[in-house]
Amino acid sequence: MNDVITIDPEVCNGRPSVRGKRIAVQSILEFLAAGDSVDEVLQAFPVLTREEVQACLDFASRLMARNYTVVQTA
């Protein structure tokens, strides 16, 4: 984790969020995945900075770089 993204059980139900903003990383990623530009995200969340949006992308990228094991359950 970095100094911009935090995980706190008391904030956003424990989901990763932008420190001090109560905006979940998932929300930012959903806007971007839907085709919104960074500028449009900044308009939707005026308290965010461009660097914080980039930190959300960096966080997601690092998360996806981890090793995963698929376990069949049924």
N, C-alpha and C. Protein backbone atom coordinates (compact mmCIF):
# COMPACT_ATOMS: atom_id res chain seq x y z
N MET A 1 0.84 -1.18 0.00
CA MET A 1 0.00 0.00 0.00
C MET A 1 0.89 1.24 0.00
N ASN A 2 0.29 2.35 -0.40
CA ASN A 2 1.06 3.59 -0.39
C ASN A 2 0.44 4.57 0.58
N ASP A 3 0.90 5.79 0.61
CA ASP A 3 0.38 6.77 1.56
C ASP A 3 -0.92 7.40 1.11
N VAL A 4 -1.40 7.09 -0.08
CA VAL A 4 -2.65 7.67 -0.59
C VAL A 4 -3.81 6.72 -0.39
N ILE A 5 -3.58 5.43 -0.58
CA ILE A 5 -4.63 4.43 -0.45
C ILE A 5 -4.53 3.79 0.92
N THR A 6 -5.66 3.67 1.59
CA THR A 6 -5.67 3.10 2.93
C THR A 6 -6.80 2.08 3.04
N ILE A 7 -6.63 1.15 3.97
CA ILE A 7 -7.68 0.19 4.29
C ILE A 7 -7.94 0.31 5.78
N ASP A 8 -9.15 0.72 6.11
CA ASP A 8 -9.55 0.93 7.50
C ASP A 8 -10.94 0.33 7.67
N PRO A 9 -11.12 -0.60 8.60
CA PRO A 9 -12.42 -1.23 8.78
C PRO A 9 -13.54 -0.24 9.07
N GLU A 10 -13.19 0.96 9.52
CA GLU A 10 -14.19 1.97 9.86
C GLU A 10 -14.55 2.88 8.68
N VAL A 11 -13.86 2.72 7.56
CA VAL A 11 -14.07 3.60 6.40
C VAL A 11 -14.43 2.74 5.19
N CYS A 12 -15.51 3.07 4.51
CA CYS A 12 -15.94 2.37 3.29
C CYS A 12 -16.05 0.87 3.51
N ASN A 13 -16.52 0.47 4.68
CA ASN A 13 -16.68 -0.96 5.01
C ASN A 13 -15.39 -1.75 4.85
N GLY A 14 -14.27 -1.10 5.09
CA GLY A 14 -12.98 -1.77 5.02
C GLY A 14 -12.41 -1.91 3.63
N ARG A 15 -13.09 -1.35 2.64
CA ARG A 15 -12.56 -1.41 1.28
C ARG A 15 -11.43 -0.40 1.12
N PRO A 16 -10.48 -0.68 0.22
CA PRO A 16 -9.43 0.31 -0.04
C PRO A 16 -10.05 1.63 -0.48
N SER A 17 -9.56 2.71 0.08
CA SER A 17 -10.12 4.03 -0.22
C SER A 17 -9.02 5.08 -0.22
N VAL A 18 -9.36 6.23 -0.77
CA VAL A 18 -8.42 7.35 -0.80
C VAL A 18 -8.37 7.95 0.61
N ARG A 19 -7.18 8.02 1.14
CA ARG A 19 -6.99 8.49 2.52
C ARG A 19 -7.67 9.84 2.75
N GLY A 20 -8.51 9.87 3.79
CA GLY A 20 -9.16 11.10 4.20
C GLY A 20 -10.31 11.56 3.33
N LYS A 21 -10.69 10.77 2.31
CA LYS A 21 -11.73 11.23 1.38
C LYS A 21 -12.99 10.37 1.41
N ARG A 22 -12.92 9.17 1.99
CA ARG A 22 -14.06 8.25 2.02
C ARG A 22 -14.60 7.95 0.62
N ILE A 23 -13.67 7.80 -0.32
CA ILE A 23 -14.00 7.42 -1.69
C ILE A 23 -13.27 6.11 -1.96
N ALA A 24 -14.05 5.06 -2.27
CA ALA A 24 -13.46 3.75 -2.49
C ALA A 24 -12.70 3.70 -3.81
N VAL A 25 -11.58 3.00 -3.80
CA VAL A 25 -10.80 2.79 -5.02
C VAL A 25 -11.70 2.17 -6.08
N GLN A 26 -12.54 1.24 -5.67
CA GLN A 26 -13.45 0.57 -6.61
C GLN A 26 -14.32 1.58 -7.36
N SER A 27 -14.79 2.59 -6.69
CA SER A 27 -15.63 3.61 -7.34
C SER A 27 -14.87 4.31 -8.46
N ILE A 28 -13.63 4.67 -8.18
CA ILE A 28 -12.80 5.35 -9.18
C ILE A 28 -12.57 4.42 -10.37
N LEU A 29 -12.23 3.16 -10.08
CA LEU A 29 -11.96 2.20 -11.15
C LEU A 29 -13.20 1.94 -11.99
N GLU A 30 -14.37 1.91 -11.36
CA GLU A 30 -15.61 1.69 -12.11
C GLU A 30 -15.88 2.82 -13.08
N PHE A 31 -15.63 4.05 -12.67
CA PHE A 31 -15.80 5.19 -13.57
C PHE A 31 -14.86 5.06 -14.77
N LEU A 32 -13.60 4.74 -14.48
CA LEU A 32 -12.61 4.62 -15.55
C LEU A 32 -12.93 3.44 -16.47
N ALA A 33 -13.37 2.33 -15.90
CA ALA A 33 -13.72 1.15 -16.69
C ALA A 33 -14.93 1.41 -17.58
N ALA A 34 -15.80 2.30 -17.14
CA ALA A 34 -16.99 2.64 -17.94
C ALA A 34 -16.65 3.58 -19.09
N GLY A 35 -15.40 4.02 -19.15
CA GLY A 35 -14.97 4.87 -20.25
C GLY A 35 -14.81 6.33 -19.90
N ASP A 36 -15.05 6.68 -18.64
CA ASP A 36 -14.86 8.07 -18.23
C ASP A 36 -13.37 8.40 -18.22
N SER A 37 -13.05 9.61 -18.57
CA SER A 37 -11.66 10.06 -18.53
C SER A 37 -11.30 10.47 -17.10
N VAL A 38 -10.02 10.65 -16.86
CA VAL A 38 -9.58 11.12 -15.55
C VAL A 38 -10.21 12.48 -15.26
N ASP A 39 -10.30 13.34 -16.26
CA ASP A 39 -10.92 14.65 -16.06
C ASP A 39 -12.39 14.51 -15.65
N GLU A 40 -13.09 13.54 -16.24
CA GLU A 40 -14.49 13.32 -15.87
C GLU A 40 -14.62 12.78 -14.45
N VAL A 41 -13.68 11.92 -14.06
CA VAL A 41 -13.66 11.43 -12.68
C VAL A 41 -13.44 12.59 -11.72
N LEU A 42 -12.52 13.48 -12.08
CA LEU A 42 -12.25 14.63 -11.23
C LEU A 42 -13.45 15.57 -11.13
N GLN A 43 -14.26 15.63 -12.18
CA GLN A 43 -15.48 16.43 -12.12
C GLN A 43 -16.51 15.76 -11.22
N ALA A 44 -16.59 14.43 -11.28
CA ALA A 44 -17.56 13.69 -10.46
C ALA A 44 -17.16 13.70 -8.99
N PHE A 45 -15.86 13.73 -8.73
CA PHE A 45 -15.32 13.73 -7.36
C PHE A 45 -14.38 14.92 -7.21
N PRO A 46 -14.91 16.13 -7.07
CA PRO A 46 -14.06 17.33 -7.06
C PRO A 46 -13.04 17.40 -5.92
N VAL A 47 -13.20 16.57 -4.90
CA VAL A 47 -12.23 16.59 -3.80
C VAL A 47 -10.98 15.78 -4.13
N LEU A 48 -11.02 15.00 -5.21
CA LEU A 48 -9.87 14.19 -5.61
C LEU A 48 -8.87 15.02 -6.41
N THR A 49 -7.64 14.56 -6.37
CA THR A 49 -6.60 15.14 -7.23
C THR A 49 -6.25 14.12 -8.32
N ARG A 50 -5.61 14.58 -9.34
CA ARG A 50 -5.15 13.70 -10.42
C ARG A 50 -4.20 12.63 -9.87
N GLU A 51 -3.36 13.01 -8.92
CA GLU A 51 -2.42 12.07 -8.31
C GLU A 51 -3.15 10.98 -7.54
N GLU A 52 -4.25 11.31 -6.90
CA GLU A 52 -5.02 10.30 -6.17
C GLU A 52 -5.69 9.31 -7.12
N VAL A 53 -6.18 9.79 -8.26
CA VAL A 53 -6.74 8.88 -9.26
C VAL A 53 -5.64 7.95 -9.77
N GLN A 54 -4.47 8.49 -10.02
CA GLN A 54 -3.35 7.66 -10.46
C GLN A 54 -2.97 6.65 -9.39
N ALA A 55 -3.04 7.04 -8.13
CA ALA A 55 -2.72 6.12 -7.03
C ALA A 55 -3.72 4.96 -7.00
N CYS A 56 -4.97 5.21 -7.35
CA CYS A 56 -5.97 4.14 -7.43
C CYS A 56 -5.58 3.14 -8.52
N LEU A 57 -5.15 3.65 -9.66
CA LEU A 57 -4.72 2.78 -10.75
C LEU A 57 -3.47 1.99 -10.35
N ASP A 58 -2.54 2.65 -9.72
CA ASP A 58 -1.31 1.98 -9.27
C ASP A 58 -1.64 0.88 -8.26
N PHE A 59 -2.55 1.16 -7.34
CA PHE A 59 -2.96 0.18 -6.33
C PHE A 59 -3.56 -1.05 -7.01
N ALA A 60 -4.47 -0.84 -7.96
CA ALA A 60 -5.11 -1.95 -8.67
C ALA A 60 -4.08 -2.75 -9.46
N SER A 61 -3.15 -2.08 -10.07
CA SER A 61 -2.11 -2.76 -10.84
C SER A 61 -1.25 -3.64 -9.95
N ARG A 62 -0.85 -3.13 -8.80
CA ARG A 62 -0.04 -3.92 -7.86
C ARG A 62 -0.84 -5.09 -7.33
N LEU A 63 -2.12 -4.90 -7.09
CA LEU A 63 -2.97 -5.98 -6.59
C LEU A 63 -3.05 -7.11 -7.61
N MET A 64 -3.18 -6.76 -8.88
CA MET A 64 -3.29 -7.77 -9.93
C MET A 64 -1.96 -8.46 -10.20
N ALA A 65 -0.87 -7.89 -9.77
CA ALA A 65 0.45 -8.49 -9.99
C ALA A 65 0.75 -9.61 -9.00
N ARG A 66 -0.09 -9.77 -8.00
CA ARG A 66 0.13 -10.82 -7.01
C ARG A 66 -0.16 -12.19 -7.60
N ASN A 67 0.39 -13.20 -6.97
CA ASN A 67 0.13 -14.58 -7.41
C ASN A 67 -1.20 -15.06 -6.83
N TYR A 68 -1.96 -15.76 -7.67
CA TYR A 68 -3.25 -16.29 -7.25
C TYR A 68 -3.30 -17.77 -7.56
N THR A 69 -4.04 -18.50 -6.74
CA THR A 69 -4.24 -19.92 -6.95
C THR A 69 -5.74 -20.16 -7.10
N VAL A 70 -6.10 -20.86 -8.15
CA VAL A 70 -7.51 -21.19 -8.37
C VAL A 70 -7.81 -22.50 -7.67
N VAL A 71 -8.84 -22.48 -6.82
CA VAL A 71 -9.23 -23.67 -6.08
C VAL A 71 -10.64 -24.01 -6.46
N GLN A 72 -10.83 -25.23 -6.98
CA GLN A 72 -12.19 -25.65 -7.36
C GLN A 72 -12.94 -26.01 -6.08
N THR A 73 -14.14 -25.43 -5.92
CA THR A 73 -14.91 -25.66 -4.71
C THR A 73 -16.14 -26.52 -4.95
N ALA A 74 -16.56 -26.68 -6.19
CA ALA A 74 -17.73 -27.51 -6.43
C ALA A 74 -17.57 -28.29 -7.72
